[in-house]
N, C-alpha and C. Protein backbone atom coordinates (compact mmCIF):
# COMPACT_ATOMS: atom_id res chain seq x y z
N MET A 1 0.83 -1.14 -0.01
CA MET A 1 0.04 0.01 -0.05
C MET A 1 0.85 1.23 0.02
N ALA A 2 2.00 1.21 0.70
CA ALA A 2 2.88 2.34 0.71
C ALA A 2 3.47 2.73 -0.70
N ALA A 3 3.61 1.73 -1.46
CA ALA A 3 4.17 1.91 -2.93
C ALA A 3 3.09 2.70 -3.64
N LEU A 4 1.71 2.39 -3.29
CA LEU A 4 0.72 2.96 -4.18
C LEU A 4 0.55 4.55 -3.78
N TYR A 5 0.90 4.81 -2.56
CA TYR A 5 0.73 6.29 -2.11
C TYR A 5 1.92 7.02 -2.67
N GLY A 6 2.96 6.24 -2.67
CA GLY A 6 4.28 6.95 -3.18
C GLY A 6 4.23 7.33 -4.59
N SER A 7 3.60 6.49 -5.51
CA SER A 7 3.39 6.74 -6.81
C SER A 7 2.37 7.77 -7.29
N GLY A 8 1.66 8.22 -6.26
CA GLY A 8 0.64 9.33 -6.72
C GLY A 8 -0.69 8.75 -6.72
N VAL A 9 -0.95 7.41 -6.38
CA VAL A 9 -2.29 6.97 -6.60
C VAL A 9 -2.77 6.97 -4.99
N ALA A 10 -3.96 7.59 -4.78
CA ALA A 10 -4.49 7.58 -3.40
C ALA A 10 -5.96 7.21 -3.42
N GLY A 11 -6.35 6.40 -2.51
CA GLY A 11 -7.73 6.04 -2.41
C GLY A 11 -8.42 6.86 -1.47
N ARG A 12 -9.52 7.46 -1.84
CA ARG A 12 -10.19 8.42 -0.93
C ARG A 12 -11.71 8.02 -0.99
N GLY A 13 -12.08 6.86 -0.52
CA GLY A 13 -13.51 6.68 -0.62
C GLY A 13 -13.77 6.18 -2.09
N LEU A 14 -14.80 6.99 -2.72
CA LEU A 14 -15.36 6.56 -3.96
C LEU A 14 -14.44 7.28 -5.15
N THR A 15 -13.69 8.33 -4.85
CA THR A 15 -12.86 8.87 -5.76
C THR A 15 -11.44 8.51 -5.58
N ARG A 16 -10.84 8.32 -6.73
CA ARG A 16 -9.44 8.05 -6.61
C ARG A 16 -8.59 9.14 -7.47
N THR A 17 -7.45 9.44 -6.92
CA THR A 17 -6.66 10.46 -7.81
C THR A 17 -5.55 9.87 -8.30
N PHE A 18 -5.12 10.35 -9.60
CA PHE A 18 -3.84 9.86 -10.12
C PHE A 18 -2.99 11.19 -10.51
N LEU A 19 -2.01 11.31 -9.95
CA LEU A 19 -1.20 12.49 -10.03
C LEU A 19 -1.92 13.90 -10.05
N GLY A 20 -2.79 13.81 -9.09
CA GLY A 20 -3.59 15.04 -8.65
C GLY A 20 -4.78 15.34 -9.50
N SER A 21 -5.18 14.32 -10.26
CA SER A 21 -6.54 14.53 -11.08
C SER A 21 -7.37 13.34 -10.84
N THR A 22 -8.60 13.48 -10.89
CA THR A 22 -9.73 12.47 -10.68
C THR A 22 -9.74 11.58 -11.88
N ARG A 23 -10.38 10.56 -11.81
CA ARG A 23 -10.66 9.67 -13.03
C ARG A 23 -11.59 10.25 -14.01
N ARG A 24 -12.56 11.15 -13.50
CA ARG A 24 -13.43 11.69 -14.41
C ARG A 24 -12.72 12.71 -15.26
N GLU A 25 -11.69 13.49 -14.73
CA GLU A 25 -11.00 14.44 -15.46
C GLU A 25 -10.09 13.76 -16.51
N LEU A 26 -9.47 12.51 -16.13
CA LEU A 26 -8.76 11.79 -16.99
C LEU A 26 -9.48 11.48 -18.31
N TRP A 27 -10.65 10.78 -17.99
CA TRP A 27 -11.45 10.14 -19.08
C TRP A 27 -12.16 11.31 -19.99
N SER A 28 -12.38 12.48 -19.43
CA SER A 28 -12.98 13.46 -20.11
C SER A 28 -12.06 14.22 -21.09
N LEU A 29 -10.86 13.94 -20.94
CA LEU A 29 -9.85 14.58 -21.86
C LEU A 29 -9.85 13.97 -23.24
N SER A 30 -10.29 12.63 -23.33
CA SER A 30 -10.34 11.94 -24.57
C SER A 30 -11.62 12.02 -25.36
N ARG A 31 -12.61 12.66 -24.65
CA ARG A 31 -13.97 12.86 -25.32
C ARG A 31 -13.99 13.98 -26.06
N LYS A 32 -14.72 13.91 -27.32
CA LYS A 32 -14.81 15.05 -28.12
C LYS A 32 -15.78 16.11 -27.59
N LYS A 33 -15.51 17.29 -27.49
CA LYS A 33 -16.35 18.13 -27.09
C LYS A 33 -17.22 18.80 -28.20
N GLU A 34 -18.45 18.97 -27.98
CA GLU A 34 -19.44 19.45 -29.00
C GLU A 34 -19.64 20.99 -28.90
N PRO A 35 -19.50 21.51 -30.12
CA PRO A 35 -19.58 23.07 -30.22
C PRO A 35 -20.74 23.36 -29.70
N ALA A 36 -20.79 24.59 -29.05
CA ALA A 36 -22.13 25.18 -28.52
C ALA A 36 -22.91 25.71 -29.45
N VAL A 37 -24.30 25.49 -29.38
CA VAL A 37 -25.14 26.12 -30.42
C VAL A 37 -25.46 27.49 -30.00
N SER A 38 -25.24 28.54 -30.80
CA SER A 38 -25.55 29.83 -30.47
C SER A 38 -27.08 30.25 -30.48
N ALA A 39 -27.83 29.76 -31.42
CA ALA A 39 -29.12 30.17 -31.32
C ALA A 39 -30.03 28.72 -31.61
N PRO A 40 -31.08 28.55 -30.95
CA PRO A 40 -31.80 27.40 -30.88
C PRO A 40 -32.49 27.36 -32.31
N VAL A 41 -32.42 26.25 -32.98
CA VAL A 41 -33.04 26.06 -34.31
C VAL A 41 -34.45 25.57 -34.13
N GLU A 42 -35.40 26.23 -34.69
CA GLU A 42 -36.79 26.03 -34.49
C GLU A 42 -37.12 24.82 -35.53
N GLU A 43 -37.82 23.88 -35.12
CA GLU A 43 -38.18 22.71 -35.92
C GLU A 43 -39.46 23.08 -36.60
N ILE A 44 -39.67 22.86 -37.90
CA ILE A 44 -40.90 23.10 -38.70
C ILE A 44 -41.50 21.88 -38.92
N ARG A 45 -42.58 21.59 -38.24
CA ARG A 45 -43.17 20.15 -38.44
C ARG A 45 -44.48 20.47 -39.17
N LYS A 46 -44.45 19.65 -40.31
CA LYS A 46 -45.72 19.68 -41.05
C LYS A 46 -46.50 18.42 -40.78
N GLU A 47 -47.79 18.58 -40.94
CA GLU A 47 -48.55 17.28 -40.93
C GLU A 47 -48.31 16.42 -42.16
N PRO A 48 -48.05 15.14 -41.85
CA PRO A 48 -47.81 14.20 -42.92
C PRO A 48 -49.09 14.17 -43.64
N VAL A 49 -48.84 14.17 -45.03
CA VAL A 49 -49.83 14.12 -46.10
C VAL A 49 -49.91 12.62 -46.46
N LEU A 50 -51.18 12.13 -46.11
CA LEU A 50 -51.43 10.66 -46.39
C LEU A 50 -52.35 10.71 -47.64
N VAL A 51 -51.87 10.17 -48.71
CA VAL A 51 -52.72 10.14 -49.97
C VAL A 51 -52.77 8.62 -50.32
N CYS A 52 -54.04 8.42 -50.23
CA CYS A 52 -54.51 6.99 -50.60
C CYS A 52 -54.20 6.77 -52.09
N PRO A 53 -53.55 5.61 -52.40
CA PRO A 53 -53.24 5.40 -53.82
C PRO A 53 -54.54 4.99 -54.46
N PRO A 54 -54.77 5.19 -55.73
CA PRO A 54 -55.88 4.69 -56.49
C PRO A 54 -55.83 3.20 -56.41
N LEU A 55 -57.06 2.59 -56.16
CA LEU A 55 -57.16 1.20 -56.29
C LEU A 55 -56.88 0.58 -57.59
N ARG A 56 -56.14 -0.44 -57.62
CA ARG A 56 -55.71 -1.12 -58.63
C ARG A 56 -56.81 -1.79 -59.33
N SER A 57 -57.05 -1.73 -60.57
CA SER A 57 -58.07 -2.37 -61.19
C SER A 57 -57.68 -3.78 -61.52
N ARG A 58 -58.50 -4.76 -61.06
CA ARG A 58 -58.21 -6.08 -61.28
C ARG A 58 -59.29 -6.74 -62.15
N ALA A 59 -59.94 -6.01 -62.82
CA ALA A 59 -60.93 -6.52 -63.86
C ALA A 59 -60.24 -7.04 -64.99
N TYR A 60 -60.81 -8.25 -65.47
CA TYR A 60 -60.22 -8.96 -66.44
C TYR A 60 -61.29 -9.56 -67.20
N THR A 61 -61.29 -9.44 -68.54
CA THR A 61 -62.17 -10.11 -69.42
C THR A 61 -61.35 -10.92 -70.41
N PRO A 62 -61.73 -12.20 -70.49
CA PRO A 62 -60.71 -13.11 -71.43
C PRO A 62 -61.12 -12.48 -72.91
N PRO A 63 -59.97 -12.51 -73.68
CA PRO A 63 -60.15 -12.26 -75.06
C PRO A 63 -60.66 -13.34 -75.83
N GLU A 64 -61.34 -12.96 -77.00
CA GLU A 64 -61.97 -14.00 -77.84
C GLU A 64 -60.95 -14.91 -78.38
N ASP A 65 -59.71 -14.52 -78.77
CA ASP A 65 -58.62 -15.51 -79.22
C ASP A 65 -57.70 -15.91 -78.22
N LEU A 66 -58.15 -16.19 -77.04
CA LEU A 66 -57.31 -16.62 -75.95
C LEU A 66 -56.62 -17.96 -76.24
N GLN A 67 -57.29 -18.98 -76.93
CA GLN A 67 -56.65 -20.22 -77.21
C GLN A 67 -55.41 -20.04 -78.18
N SER A 68 -55.84 -19.19 -79.27
CA SER A 68 -54.71 -19.11 -80.37
C SER A 68 -53.60 -18.23 -79.63
N ARG A 69 -53.83 -17.40 -78.79
CA ARG A 69 -52.60 -16.68 -78.03
C ARG A 69 -51.81 -17.51 -77.28
N LEU A 70 -52.46 -18.44 -76.50
CA LEU A 70 -51.74 -19.41 -75.74
C LEU A 70 -51.01 -20.33 -76.53
N GLU A 71 -51.57 -20.79 -77.60
CA GLU A 71 -50.86 -21.77 -78.47
C GLU A 71 -49.60 -21.05 -79.08
N SER A 72 -49.68 -19.85 -79.40
CA SER A 72 -48.60 -19.06 -79.99
C SER A 72 -47.46 -18.87 -78.99
N ARG A 73 -47.77 -18.48 -77.82
CA ARG A 73 -46.90 -18.31 -76.78
C ARG A 73 -46.17 -19.43 -76.43
N LEU A 74 -47.04 -20.50 -76.26
CA LEU A 74 -46.39 -21.95 -76.03
C LEU A 74 -45.41 -22.35 -77.02
N GLN A 75 -45.73 -22.00 -78.27
CA GLN A 75 -44.78 -22.36 -79.43
C GLN A 75 -43.57 -21.59 -79.27
N GLU A 76 -43.63 -20.42 -78.77
CA GLU A 76 -42.39 -19.43 -78.68
C GLU A 76 -41.51 -19.98 -77.58
N VAL A 77 -42.18 -20.48 -76.38
CA VAL A 77 -41.43 -20.93 -75.31
C VAL A 77 -40.85 -22.28 -75.67
N LEU A 78 -41.55 -23.17 -76.11
CA LEU A 78 -41.01 -24.44 -76.31
C LEU A 78 -40.12 -24.55 -77.54
N GLY A 79 -40.36 -23.52 -78.59
CA GLY A 79 -39.45 -23.59 -79.81
C GLY A 79 -39.65 -24.62 -80.70
N SER A 80 -40.84 -25.37 -80.75
CA SER A 80 -41.04 -26.37 -81.64
C SER A 80 -42.40 -26.53 -82.01
N SER A 81 -42.73 -27.50 -83.00
CA SER A 81 -44.20 -27.57 -83.32
C SER A 81 -44.96 -28.22 -82.32
N LEU A 82 -46.23 -27.93 -82.02
CA LEU A 82 -46.92 -28.58 -81.07
C LEU A 82 -47.71 -29.69 -81.44
N PRO A 83 -47.87 -30.69 -80.59
CA PRO A 83 -48.61 -31.87 -80.89
C PRO A 83 -50.14 -31.53 -80.96
N SER A 84 -51.01 -32.35 -81.40
CA SER A 84 -52.34 -32.08 -81.48
C SER A 84 -53.00 -32.04 -80.10
N ASP A 85 -52.54 -32.71 -79.11
CA ASP A 85 -52.99 -32.53 -77.80
C ASP A 85 -52.09 -31.62 -77.03
N TRP A 86 -51.81 -30.38 -77.43
CA TRP A 86 -50.97 -29.49 -76.82
C TRP A 86 -51.49 -29.06 -75.50
N GLN A 87 -52.70 -29.14 -75.21
CA GLN A 87 -53.31 -28.63 -73.86
C GLN A 87 -52.81 -29.70 -72.85
N ASP A 88 -52.43 -30.85 -73.10
CA ASP A 88 -52.03 -31.81 -72.14
C ASP A 88 -50.40 -31.77 -71.87
N ILE A 89 -49.74 -30.78 -72.44
CA ILE A 89 -48.22 -30.67 -72.23
C ILE A 89 -47.97 -30.24 -70.70
N SER A 90 -47.27 -30.84 -70.14
CA SER A 90 -46.78 -30.63 -68.72
C SER A 90 -45.99 -29.23 -68.67
N VAL A 91 -46.18 -28.57 -67.75
CA VAL A 91 -45.41 -27.30 -67.40
C VAL A 91 -44.82 -27.37 -66.07
N GLU A 92 -44.41 -28.63 -65.54
CA GLU A 92 -43.80 -28.87 -64.32
C GLU A 92 -42.37 -28.18 -64.20
N ASP A 93 -41.77 -28.07 -65.53
CA ASP A 93 -40.39 -27.48 -65.31
C ASP A 93 -40.49 -26.01 -65.12
N GLY A 94 -39.73 -25.49 -64.01
CA GLY A 94 -39.89 -24.23 -63.49
C GLY A 94 -39.72 -23.06 -64.56
N HIS A 95 -38.55 -23.30 -65.41
CA HIS A 95 -38.25 -22.31 -66.42
C HIS A 95 -39.33 -22.15 -67.52
N VAL A 96 -39.79 -23.25 -67.82
CA VAL A 96 -41.00 -23.22 -68.94
C VAL A 96 -42.15 -22.60 -68.40
N LYS A 97 -42.51 -22.96 -67.18
CA LYS A 97 -43.68 -22.37 -66.54
C LYS A 97 -43.49 -20.84 -66.39
N PHE A 98 -42.41 -20.44 -65.81
CA PHE A 98 -42.05 -19.01 -65.68
C PHE A 98 -42.23 -18.26 -66.83
N SER A 99 -41.51 -18.80 -67.83
CA SER A 99 -41.43 -18.00 -69.21
C SER A 99 -42.90 -17.98 -69.85
N LEU A 100 -43.69 -18.99 -69.81
CA LEU A 100 -44.90 -18.95 -70.30
C LEU A 100 -45.83 -17.99 -69.67
N LEU A 101 -45.87 -18.17 -68.21
CA LEU A 101 -46.79 -17.27 -67.48
C LEU A 101 -46.40 -15.79 -67.68
N ALA A 102 -45.08 -15.64 -67.66
CA ALA A 102 -44.63 -14.19 -67.77
C ALA A 102 -45.09 -13.62 -69.09
N HIS A 103 -44.90 -14.31 -70.17
CA HIS A 103 -45.45 -13.84 -71.38
C HIS A 103 -46.86 -13.59 -71.49
N LEU A 104 -47.64 -14.45 -70.98
CA LEU A 104 -49.09 -14.34 -70.94
C LEU A 104 -49.56 -13.32 -70.08
N ALA A 105 -48.88 -13.03 -68.90
CA ALA A 105 -49.20 -11.89 -68.11
C ALA A 105 -48.89 -10.58 -68.64
N ASP A 106 -47.83 -10.49 -69.39
CA ASP A 106 -47.62 -9.14 -70.23
C ASP A 106 -48.60 -8.90 -71.28
N ASP A 107 -48.90 -10.16 -72.02
CA ASP A 107 -49.80 -10.04 -73.26
C ASP A 107 -51.26 -9.80 -72.77
N LEU A 108 -51.70 -10.29 -71.83
CA LEU A 108 -53.13 -10.20 -71.41
C LEU A 108 -53.38 -9.36 -70.22
N GLY A 109 -52.27 -8.89 -69.52
CA GLY A 109 -52.67 -7.90 -68.45
C GLY A 109 -53.26 -8.39 -67.16
N HIS A 110 -52.93 -9.71 -67.01
CA HIS A 110 -53.51 -10.48 -65.86
C HIS A 110 -52.71 -11.60 -65.48
N ALA A 111 -52.21 -11.55 -64.24
CA ALA A 111 -51.20 -12.43 -63.74
C ALA A 111 -51.74 -13.49 -62.99
N VAL A 112 -51.10 -14.75 -62.96
CA VAL A 112 -51.51 -15.85 -62.05
C VAL A 112 -50.98 -15.38 -60.71
N PRO A 113 -51.91 -15.32 -59.55
CA PRO A 113 -51.45 -15.08 -58.23
C PRO A 113 -50.52 -16.28 -57.61
N ASN A 114 -49.66 -15.94 -56.84
CA ASN A 114 -48.70 -16.84 -56.14
C ASN A 114 -49.35 -18.14 -55.61
N SER A 115 -50.57 -17.77 -55.03
CA SER A 115 -51.32 -18.81 -54.40
C SER A 115 -51.96 -19.85 -55.27
N LYS A 116 -51.72 -19.63 -56.48
CA LYS A 116 -52.38 -20.68 -57.61
C LYS A 116 -51.36 -21.09 -58.51
N LEU A 117 -50.11 -20.72 -58.31
CA LEU A 117 -49.01 -21.18 -59.18
C LEU A 117 -48.84 -22.65 -59.14
N HIS A 118 -48.95 -23.11 -57.96
CA HIS A 118 -48.77 -24.76 -57.82
C HIS A 118 -49.83 -25.52 -58.45
N GLN A 119 -51.01 -24.93 -58.74
CA GLN A 119 -52.10 -25.63 -59.47
C GLN A 119 -51.85 -25.64 -61.01
N MET A 120 -50.97 -24.86 -61.40
CA MET A 120 -50.63 -24.85 -63.00
C MET A 120 -49.63 -25.92 -63.31
N CYS A 121 -50.21 -27.12 -63.58
CA CYS A 121 -49.36 -28.27 -63.84
C CYS A 121 -49.44 -28.65 -65.41
N LYS A 122 -50.42 -28.23 -66.11
CA LYS A 122 -50.60 -28.42 -67.63
C LYS A 122 -51.00 -27.21 -68.19
N VAL A 123 -50.90 -27.12 -69.52
CA VAL A 123 -51.33 -26.14 -70.26
C VAL A 123 -52.85 -25.89 -70.23
N ARG A 124 -53.58 -26.89 -70.01
CA ARG A 124 -54.97 -26.89 -69.82
C ARG A 124 -55.39 -26.16 -68.55
N ASP A 125 -54.64 -26.28 -67.54
CA ASP A 125 -54.78 -25.60 -66.21
C ASP A 125 -54.58 -23.96 -66.42
N ILE A 126 -53.58 -23.66 -67.13
CA ILE A 126 -53.32 -22.34 -67.43
C ILE A 126 -54.58 -21.57 -68.37
N LEU A 127 -54.92 -22.26 -69.31
CA LEU A 127 -56.02 -22.12 -70.14
C LEU A 127 -57.44 -21.68 -69.39
N ASP A 128 -57.55 -22.68 -68.43
CA ASP A 128 -58.80 -22.64 -67.63
C ASP A 128 -58.71 -21.54 -66.60
N PHE A 129 -57.55 -21.17 -66.22
CA PHE A 129 -57.40 -20.10 -65.26
C PHE A 129 -57.65 -18.70 -66.10
N TYR A 130 -57.15 -18.48 -67.33
CA TYR A 130 -57.40 -17.28 -68.15
C TYR A 130 -58.75 -17.29 -68.78
N LYS A 131 -59.50 -18.34 -68.76
CA LYS A 131 -60.90 -18.23 -69.21
C LYS A 131 -61.85 -17.58 -68.26
N VAL A 132 -61.52 -17.56 -67.05
CA VAL A 132 -62.47 -17.03 -66.18
C VAL A 132 -62.22 -15.54 -65.89
N PRO A 133 -63.48 -14.77 -66.18
CA PRO A 133 -63.47 -13.36 -65.95
C PRO A 133 -63.32 -13.04 -64.57
N VAL A 134 -62.78 -11.70 -64.34
CA VAL A 134 -62.66 -11.20 -62.91
C VAL A 134 -63.28 -9.86 -62.85
N LYS A 135 -64.29 -9.75 -61.95
CA LYS A 135 -64.98 -8.60 -61.70
C LYS A 135 -64.02 -7.59 -60.67
N ASP A 136 -64.34 -6.24 -60.78
CA ASP A 136 -63.60 -5.47 -59.96
C ASP A 136 -64.36 -4.78 -58.91
N THR A 137 -65.56 -5.48 -58.43
CA THR A 137 -66.52 -4.98 -57.53
C THR A 137 -66.42 -5.98 -56.42
N SER A 138 -66.60 -5.42 -55.19
CA SER A 138 -66.71 -6.19 -53.88
C SER A 138 -68.22 -6.69 -53.74
N LYS A 139 -68.39 -7.61 -52.79
CA LYS A 139 -69.72 -7.94 -52.44
C LYS A 139 -70.66 -6.96 -52.01
N PHE A 140 -69.86 -5.96 -51.19
CA PHE A 140 -70.75 -4.84 -50.77
C PHE A 140 -71.23 -3.94 -51.80
N ASP A 141 -70.33 -3.78 -52.78
CA ASP A 141 -70.86 -2.95 -53.86
C ASP A 141 -72.03 -3.61 -54.73
N GLU A 142 -71.76 -4.84 -54.80
CA GLU A 142 -72.88 -5.64 -55.45
C GLU A 142 -74.15 -5.52 -54.66
N LEU A 143 -74.16 -5.66 -53.40
CA LEU A 143 -75.33 -5.58 -52.57
C LEU A 143 -75.92 -4.20 -52.62
N THR A 144 -75.15 -3.13 -52.64
CA THR A 144 -75.60 -1.74 -52.73
C THR A 144 -76.28 -1.54 -54.09
N ALA A 145 -75.82 -2.03 -55.09
CA ALA A 145 -76.23 -1.83 -56.43
C ALA A 145 -77.60 -2.69 -56.67
N SER A 146 -77.79 -3.81 -56.03
CA SER A 146 -78.88 -4.69 -56.14
C SER A 146 -80.12 -3.97 -55.35
N ASN A 147 -81.29 -4.47 -55.84
CA ASN A 147 -82.63 -4.06 -55.15
C ASN A 147 -82.63 -4.66 -53.79
N LEU A 148 -82.63 -3.84 -52.57
CA LEU A 148 -82.62 -4.30 -51.42
C LEU A 148 -83.96 -4.13 -50.84
N PRO A 149 -84.57 -4.80 -49.88
CA PRO A 149 -85.71 -4.52 -49.25
C PRO A 149 -85.76 -3.22 -48.61
N PRO A 150 -86.90 -2.62 -48.38
CA PRO A 150 -86.86 -1.16 -47.78
C PRO A 150 -86.29 -1.27 -46.27
N ASN A 151 -86.44 -2.32 -45.68
CA ASN A 151 -85.84 -2.46 -44.16
C ASN A 151 -84.41 -2.64 -44.02
N LEU A 152 -83.69 -2.82 -45.29
CA LEU A 152 -82.26 -2.95 -45.09
C LEU A 152 -81.53 -1.96 -45.72
N LYS A 153 -80.51 -1.41 -45.09
CA LYS A 153 -79.76 -0.25 -45.72
C LYS A 153 -78.28 -0.50 -45.48
N ILE A 154 -77.45 -0.25 -46.45
CA ILE A 154 -76.01 -0.33 -46.15
C ILE A 154 -75.35 1.00 -46.13
N THR A 155 -74.78 1.21 -44.98
CA THR A 155 -74.21 2.61 -44.64
C THR A 155 -72.67 2.38 -44.72
N TRP A 156 -72.03 3.07 -45.53
CA TRP A 156 -70.51 3.08 -45.60
C TRP A 156 -69.67 3.74 -44.52
N GLY A 157 -70.27 4.87 -44.06
CA GLY A 157 -69.71 5.63 -42.97
C GLY A 157 -69.86 5.07 -41.62
N TYR A 158 -68.83 4.22 -41.27
CA TYR A 158 -69.01 3.68 -39.75
C TYR A 158 -67.77 4.06 -39.11
């Protein structure tokens, strides 16, 4: 203990000194000092503007020449002449399925949702999917437009 006092380190309760300065003073020398701000900067806060994007139209009407379009796209993807039973061709290969569905989505403006991709095993399944028309209205819109009994009213502002 005597050697510690002789080298300039002394213990005084909770504060210890080293060569006449406290621990806090030693560590504060290595800290960067922030410049003092002369005038407080006023923050200008604006209310966030929340703009609802327009609803995406999901309406789809199958074209009249759907079968011939699908057949020509299939010929482009496979690169060969198609057999007479071309609707039974398997599209289990991921590259063929992706290429065919991507071309059809661009051509027809209607894509197969992810939840139904696993159901597309043959060209016939793809043809059946694209034959179904899609309406852009909800069930509530259909109820509002229909003839309701006088004691039933649909109110949107709830």
